[in-house]
Amino acid sequence: MKLATIKNGTRDGRLAIVSRDLAAAVFADDAAPTLLHAMERWPSVESALRARSDQLNAGAAGGAFAFEPTQAMAPLPRCYQWLDGSTFANHGALMERAFDLGITNEYEKYPLVYQGASDDFLGPCDDVELTSESDNMDFEGEVAVVVDEIPMGTPKAGVAPHIKLIMLVNDVSLRALAAREMKTGFGWVQAKPSTSFSPVAVTPDELGDAWADGRVQLPLQIQRGGEWFGHPNGKEMTFNFFRLIEHAAYSRRLRAGTIIGSGTVSNASRSVGSACIAERRAIETLDQGGAKTPFLRFGERVRIEMFDAASRSIFGAIDQRYVKHGVPA
């Protein structure tokens, strides 16, 4: 099942079910007006949503319309909590070796997680409005899961049934501000603008065998300005989502609708490229003695997408332009 939120002038949008081929959609008001409403009542609404999804995929859903990603908000336009991890040890090692971040081997001992702002997410085709190119604008391609309520102390062996949806992420980052905020010990605020998500969120069964051992085991395709930037595979996630969620729920419960991100997808092989500019610059620093790839300039576009074994887009594409805040398009 694939779910989206359609823009309707409200903060939470209108919940829609999207066909497997991403071509058509139908509103789901009779089951749940918004995705957050659905997440909080998942046991009572899931069967109705799945029945409507089956009808849509069979071409038998009344009221179906063409699905336009440009009209989609983030699947959850806002939620109670957004936790983003750093679960690919290769990314942590590269960043530490290149830039001496002071977190030696911590990324191999346990998941690193920060709590991001969850009040204002961006849709997949919304412009990323930022203040200054001097802040070193970047993207981060990630995978995220959405959970129902998870009791405090839930062990990793009990996490799988709580993962209801999976999405793609562009964790927009301002690298010039990140180092200063990290050194304060208080975490990121200015360095992490509003996060963007894929047009649809999908139930794990939509991934088939690619959802295995708490990992999305497919390449994440990244383009910058229409050119290939990387295709790292989620299978190299050091700490899987089960372990990441166990870590987050150690000392508190997680409310339904909480989003948990994987952190930048990263692989050991240099040939697969990177899912963010900072990692590519780290590789250049280590291999060539200095960073060469520039950070984003206003007007540039970034595309993040994932395809199944038959080359079909699973989540639709995050396809965004970075623009200067306050300047008319």
Protein backbone atom coordinates (compact mmCIF):
# COMPACT_ATOMS: atom_id res chain seq x y z
CA MET A 1 0.00 0.00 0.00
CA LYS A 2 1.20 3.50 -0.87
CA LEU A 3 -0.01 6.61 0.92
CA ALA A 4 0.36 10.30 0.15
CA THR A 5 -0.83 13.61 1.51
CA ILE A 6 -2.34 16.02 -1.03
CA LYS A 7 -2.16 19.78 -0.59
CA ASN A 8 -5.49 21.33 0.38
CA GLY A 9 -4.48 24.57 2.08
CA THR A 10 -4.22 23.09 5.57
CA ARG A 11 -1.19 22.16 7.65
CA ASP A 12 -1.92 18.42 7.50
CA GLY A 13 -3.29 18.04 3.97
CA ARG A 14 -5.64 15.29 2.81
CA LEU A 15 -4.77 11.60 2.93
CA ALA A 16 -4.78 9.71 -0.37
CA ILE A 17 -4.00 6.17 -1.44
CA VAL A 18 -1.71 5.93 -4.47
CA SER A 19 -1.54 3.11 -6.99
CA ARG A 20 1.47 0.83 -7.14
CA ASP A 21 2.62 2.43 -10.41
CA LEU A 22 2.24 5.93 -8.91
CA ALA A 23 -0.12 6.94 -11.71
CA ALA A 24 -3.44 7.25 -9.86
CA ALA A 25 -4.76 8.12 -6.43
CA VAL A 26 -7.98 8.18 -4.47
CA PHE A 27 -8.81 10.07 -1.31
CA ALA A 28 -9.17 8.09 1.90
CA ASP A 29 -11.38 10.45 3.93
CA ASP A 30 -13.85 7.77 4.85
CA ALA A 31 -11.11 5.82 6.65
CA ALA A 32 -8.83 8.65 7.85
CA PRO A 33 -8.68 12.33 6.92
CA THR A 34 -4.90 12.63 7.47
CA LEU A 35 -1.97 10.27 7.76
CA LEU A 36 -1.30 11.25 11.36
CA HIS A 37 -4.91 10.35 12.16
CA ALA A 38 -4.35 7.00 10.47
CA MET A 39 -1.11 6.32 12.33
CA GLU A 40 -2.79 6.90 15.68
CA ARG A 41 -5.60 4.51 14.77
CA TRP A 42 -3.73 2.05 12.55
CA PRO A 43 -5.35 -1.19 13.82
CA SER A 44 -8.83 0.16 13.11
CA VAL A 45 -8.14 1.81 9.73
CA GLU A 46 -5.55 -0.41 8.04
CA SER A 47 -8.02 -2.93 6.61
CA ALA A 48 -10.18 -0.19 5.07
CA LEU A 49 -7.13 1.51 3.56
CA ARG A 50 -5.84 -1.76 2.12
CA ALA A 51 -9.24 -2.60 0.63
CA ARG A 52 -9.31 0.78 -1.12
CA SER A 53 -5.74 0.25 -2.28
CA ASP A 54 -6.68 -3.09 -3.81
CA GLN A 55 -9.59 -1.46 -5.62
CA LEU A 56 -7.36 1.30 -6.95
CA ASN A 57 -4.73 -1.13 -8.24
CA ALA A 58 -7.48 -3.15 -9.92
CA GLY A 59 -8.82 -0.03 -11.65
CA ALA A 60 -12.08 -0.25 -9.72
CA ALA A 61 -11.84 2.64 -7.25
CA GLY A 62 -14.48 5.33 -7.58
CA GLY A 63 -13.22 8.90 -7.54
CA ALA A 64 -9.72 8.04 -8.73
CA PHE A 65 -7.60 10.87 -10.16
CA ALA A 66 -4.14 11.27 -11.66
CA PHE A 67 -1.44 11.44 -9.01
CA GLU A 68 0.77 14.52 -9.33
CA PRO A 69 3.84 14.58 -7.03
CA THR A 70 3.94 18.37 -7.30
CA GLN A 71 0.64 18.43 -5.40
CA ALA A 72 1.97 16.20 -2.64
CA MET A 73 3.05 17.40 0.76
CA ALA A 74 5.40 15.27 2.83
CA PRO A 75 3.42 12.10 3.65
CA LEU A 76 3.44 13.34 7.25
CA PRO A 77 3.60 17.15 6.89
CA ARG A 78 4.23 17.39 10.62
CA CYS A 79 4.44 14.86 13.41
CA TYR A 80 5.26 14.49 17.08
CA GLN A 81 8.87 13.50 16.58
CA TRP A 82 11.59 13.25 13.93
CA LEU A 83 14.65 11.27 15.00
CA ASP A 84 17.51 10.99 12.54
CA GLY A 85 20.31 8.50 12.98
CA SER A 86 23.80 8.00 11.64
CA THR A 87 23.77 4.27 11.10
CA PHE A 88 26.24 3.78 8.25
CA ALA A 89 29.67 3.38 9.84
CA ASN A 90 31.38 4.04 6.52
CA HIS A 91 29.95 7.58 6.45
CA GLY A 92 30.99 8.22 10.05
CA ALA A 93 34.50 6.93 9.43
CA LEU A 94 34.99 9.07 6.33
CA MET A 95 33.75 12.23 8.01
CA GLU A 96 35.87 11.61 11.11
CA ARG A 97 39.05 10.83 9.18
CA ALA A 98 38.66 13.82 6.88
CA PHE A 99 37.46 16.47 9.32
CA ASP A 100 38.40 15.26 12.85
CA LEU A 101 34.89 15.60 14.29
CA GLY A 102 35.88 14.22 17.68
CA ILE A 103 33.58 11.17 17.54
CA THR A 104 36.25 8.52 16.98
CA ASN A 105 34.63 5.08 16.59
CA GLU A 106 31.45 6.20 18.37
CA TYR A 107 29.51 5.45 15.17
CA GLU A 108 30.58 1.80 15.46
CA LYS A 109 29.60 1.32 19.11
CA TYR A 110 25.96 2.42 19.05
CA PRO A 111 23.60 4.37 16.81
CA LEU A 112 24.13 8.12 16.79
CA VAL A 113 20.76 9.91 16.84
CA TYR A 114 19.65 13.52 16.99
CA GLN A 115 16.16 14.95 17.45
CA GLY A 116 15.23 17.18 14.53
CA ALA A 117 12.43 19.68 14.05
CA SER A 118 9.17 17.94 13.12
CA ASP A 119 6.78 20.87 12.82
CA ASP A 120 7.37 21.87 9.20
CA PHE A 121 8.41 19.23 6.68
CA LEU A 122 8.74 19.93 2.95
CA GLY A 123 6.95 18.14 0.15
CA PRO A 124 8.95 16.21 -2.47
CA CYS A 125 8.82 18.95 -5.11
CA ASP A 126 8.76 22.01 -2.86
CA ASP A 127 11.59 24.50 -3.25
CA VAL A 128 14.21 24.38 -0.50
CA GLU A 129 14.37 28.02 0.60
CA LEU A 130 17.61 28.94 2.36
CA THR A 131 19.35 32.13 3.42
CA SER A 132 22.87 32.10 2.03
CA GLU A 133 25.14 30.05 -0.22
CA SER A 134 27.92 30.75 2.29
CA ASP A 135 26.18 28.34 4.69
CA ASN A 136 27.40 25.50 2.41
CA MET A 137 24.10 24.00 1.29
CA ASP A 138 23.97 20.22 1.05
CA PHE A 139 21.55 17.32 0.67
CA GLU A 140 21.51 13.96 2.42
CA GLY A 141 19.81 10.96 0.84
CA GLU A 142 18.30 8.69 3.45
CA VAL A 143 15.60 6.14 4.19
CA ALA A 144 13.13 6.60 7.06
CA VAL A 145 10.44 4.55 8.77
CA VAL A 146 7.21 5.62 10.44
CA VAL A 147 6.13 3.70 13.54
CA ASP A 148 3.01 3.24 15.60
CA GLU A 149 3.28 3.61 19.39
CA ILE A 150 6.33 1.81 20.77
CA PRO A 151 6.49 1.12 24.51
CA MET A 152 9.56 2.23 26.43
CA GLY A 153 12.19 -0.49 26.58
CA THR A 154 11.00 -2.41 23.52
CA PRO A 155 13.85 -4.74 22.45
CA LYS A 156 14.97 -4.92 18.83
CA ALA A 157 13.40 -8.38 18.52
CA GLY A 158 9.99 -6.80 19.09
CA VAL A 159 10.31 -3.78 16.81
CA ALA A 160 9.34 -5.15 13.37
CA PRO A 161 5.54 -5.12 13.90
CA HIS A 162 5.70 -1.44 14.86
CA ILE A 163 7.21 -0.29 11.54
CA LYS A 164 4.21 0.66 9.43
CA LEU A 165 5.61 2.82 6.63
CA ILE A 166 8.87 3.56 4.81
CA MET A 167 9.85 6.79 3.02
CA LEU A 168 12.83 8.48 1.35
CA VAL A 169 14.42 11.56 2.87
CA ASN A 170 16.38 14.63 1.86
CA ASP A 171 17.88 15.76 5.15
CA VAL A 172 18.78 19.30 4.07
CA SER A 173 22.01 20.40 5.76
CA LEU A 174 24.04 23.60 6.09
CA ARG A 175 27.60 22.41 6.57
CA ALA A 176 29.17 25.75 7.50
CA LEU A 177 26.90 25.89 10.54
CA ALA A 178 27.04 22.22 11.52
CA ALA A 179 30.54 22.14 13.05
CA ARG A 180 29.84 25.05 15.39
CA GLU A 181 26.54 23.61 16.56
CA MET A 182 28.04 20.15 17.08
CA LYS A 183 30.79 21.58 19.28
CA THR A 184 28.28 23.23 21.62
CA GLY A 185 26.89 19.83 22.59
CA PHE A 186 23.34 21.12 22.28
CA GLY A 187 22.65 19.66 18.86
CA TRP A 188 21.58 21.08 15.52
CA VAL A 189 19.06 23.87 14.94
CA GLN A 190 20.30 26.31 12.30
CA ALA A 191 22.32 23.65 10.46
CA LYS A 192 19.25 21.48 9.85
CA PRO A 193 16.50 23.31 7.92
CA SER A 194 13.15 21.70 7.15
CA THR A 195 13.49 18.09 6.03
CA SER A 196 11.95 16.78 2.79
CA PHE A 197 10.27 13.43 2.15
CA SER A 198 9.26 11.32 -0.85
CA PRO A 199 5.85 11.71 -2.53
CA VAL A 200 4.57 8.49 -0.99
CA ALA A 201 5.15 6.39 2.10
CA VAL A 202 4.85 2.65 1.51
CA THR A 203 4.07 -0.31 3.73
CA PRO A 204 7.05 -2.67 4.08
CA ASP A 205 5.38 -5.40 2.02
CA GLU A 206 5.61 -3.13 -1.05
CA LEU A 207 9.37 -3.71 -1.01
CA GLY A 208 9.13 -7.49 -1.11
CA ASP A 209 12.47 -9.18 -0.48
CA ALA A 210 14.23 -5.81 -0.50
CA TRP A 211 12.91 -5.18 3.02
CA ALA A 212 15.07 -7.64 4.95
CA ASP A 213 16.64 -7.68 8.41
CA GLY A 214 15.38 -4.18 9.17
CA ARG A 215 17.10 -2.69 6.11
CA VAL A 216 15.97 -1.41 2.71
CA GLN A 217 18.37 -3.37 0.53
CA LEU A 218 18.23 -1.34 -2.67
CA PRO A 219 20.37 1.42 -4.21
CA LEU A 220 19.38 5.01 -3.48
CA GLN A 221 19.75 7.00 -6.70
CA ILE A 222 21.08 10.55 -6.29
CA GLN A 223 21.31 13.19 -9.02
CA ARG A 224 22.66 16.72 -8.80
CA GLY A 225 21.72 18.99 -11.66
CA GLY A 226 20.59 16.01 -13.70
CA GLU A 227 23.97 14.28 -13.35
CA TRP A 228 24.69 11.07 -11.43
CA PHE A 229 26.04 11.69 -7.93
CA GLY A 230 25.72 8.27 -6.31
CA HIS A 231 23.75 5.08 -5.85
CA PRO A 232 24.75 3.64 -2.42
CA ASN A 233 22.76 0.64 -1.22
CA GLY A 234 20.85 0.57 2.05
CA LYS A 235 22.00 -2.98 2.75
CA GLU A 236 25.24 -1.71 4.31
CA MET A 237 23.38 -0.06 7.19
CA THR A 238 25.57 -0.90 10.21
CA PHE A 239 22.76 -0.64 12.75
CA ASN A 240 19.46 -1.72 11.23
CA PHE A 241 16.16 0.01 11.96
CA PHE A 242 15.33 -2.54 14.65
CA ARG A 243 18.46 -1.64 16.61
CA LEU A 244 18.01 2.07 15.93
CA ILE A 245 14.46 2.01 17.29
CA GLU A 246 15.49 -0.06 20.30
CA HIS A 247 18.08 2.63 21.03
CA ALA A 248 15.55 5.46 20.70
CA ALA A 249 12.98 3.72 22.91
CA TYR A 250 15.45 2.79 25.66
CA SER A 251 14.28 5.44 28.11
CA ARG A 252 10.92 6.61 26.71
CA ARG A 253 8.02 5.50 24.57
CA LEU A 254 7.74 6.62 20.97
CA ARG A 255 4.36 8.00 19.99
CA ALA A 256 2.52 6.87 16.88
CA GLY A 257 3.68 8.80 13.85
CA THR A 258 7.27 9.15 14.99
CA ILE A 259 9.66 9.20 12.01
CA ILE A 260 13.12 7.61 12.35
CA GLY A 261 15.78 8.21 9.69
CA SER A 262 18.73 6.04 8.73
CA GLY A 263 21.19 8.86 8.24
CA THR A 264 23.14 9.32 5.01
CA VAL A 265 23.22 6.10 3.01
CA SER A 266 26.86 5.19 2.51
CA ASN A 267 28.85 2.24 1.11
CA ALA A 268 32.47 1.22 1.43
CA SER A 269 33.00 1.05 -2.34
CA ARG A 270 34.04 4.39 -3.83
CA SER A 271 32.47 3.32 -7.16
CA VAL A 272 28.88 3.81 -5.90
CA GLY A 273 29.39 7.50 -5.18
CA SER A 274 27.83 9.30 -2.25
CA ALA A 275 24.46 10.48 -0.97
CA CYS A 276 25.70 13.89 0.18
CA ILE A 277 28.28 16.45 -0.89
CA ALA A 278 30.07 16.44 2.47
CA GLU A 279 30.94 12.76 2.10
CA ARG A 280 32.25 13.26 -1.44
CA ARG A 281 34.39 16.13 -0.17
CA ALA A 282 35.66 13.90 2.64
CA ILE A 283 36.69 11.26 0.09
CA GLU A 284 38.42 13.92 -2.03
CA THR A 285 40.25 15.20 1.04
CA LEU A 286 41.50 11.72 1.89
CA ASP A 287 42.28 10.55 -1.65
CA GLN A 288 43.37 13.76 -3.37
CA GLY A 289 44.59 15.96 -0.53
CA GLY A 290 41.72 18.43 -0.69
CA ALA A 291 37.99 18.83 -1.32
CA LYS A 292 37.07 19.79 -4.86
CA THR A 293 33.30 19.34 -5.22
CA PRO A 294 31.51 22.61 -4.41
CA PHE A 295 28.45 22.83 -2.22
CA LEU A 296 25.12 23.73 -3.82
CA ARG A 297 24.40 27.06 -5.43
CA PHE A 298 20.97 28.67 -5.65
CA GLY A 299 19.06 27.37 -8.66
CA GLU A 300 20.51 23.86 -8.52
CA ARG A 301 18.26 20.80 -8.42
CA VAL A 302 18.63 17.57 -6.44
CA ARG A 303 16.78 14.32 -7.19
CA ILE A 304 16.53 11.33 -4.84
CA GLU A 305 14.75 8.15 -5.92
CA MET A 306 14.72 4.38 -5.45
CA PHE A 307 13.74 1.71 -7.97
CA ASP A 308 12.74 -1.92 -7.59
CA ALA A 309 14.29 -4.84 -9.46
CA ALA A 310 12.03 -4.10 -12.44
CA SER A 311 13.24 -0.47 -12.60
CA ARG A 312 9.95 0.93 -11.26
CA SER A 313 10.04 3.89 -8.92
CA ILE A 314 8.88 2.78 -5.49
CA PHE A 315 8.41 6.05 -3.60
CA GLY A 316 8.40 8.56 -6.43
CA ALA A 317 11.17 11.14 -6.56
CA ILE A 318 12.23 13.91 -4.24
CA ASP A 319 13.00 16.50 -6.91
CA GLN A 320 13.79 19.91 -5.49
CA ARG A 321 15.38 23.20 -6.37
CA TYR A 322 17.45 25.15 -3.82
CA VAL A 323 16.46 28.83 -3.85
CA LYS A 324 17.21 31.99 -1.89
CA HIS A 325 14.60 32.77 0.72
CA GLY A 326 12.56 35.86 -0.01
CA VAL A 327 13.49 36.07 -3.69
CA PRO A 328 10.56 35.50 -6.09
CA ALA A 329 10.93 32.46 -8.36
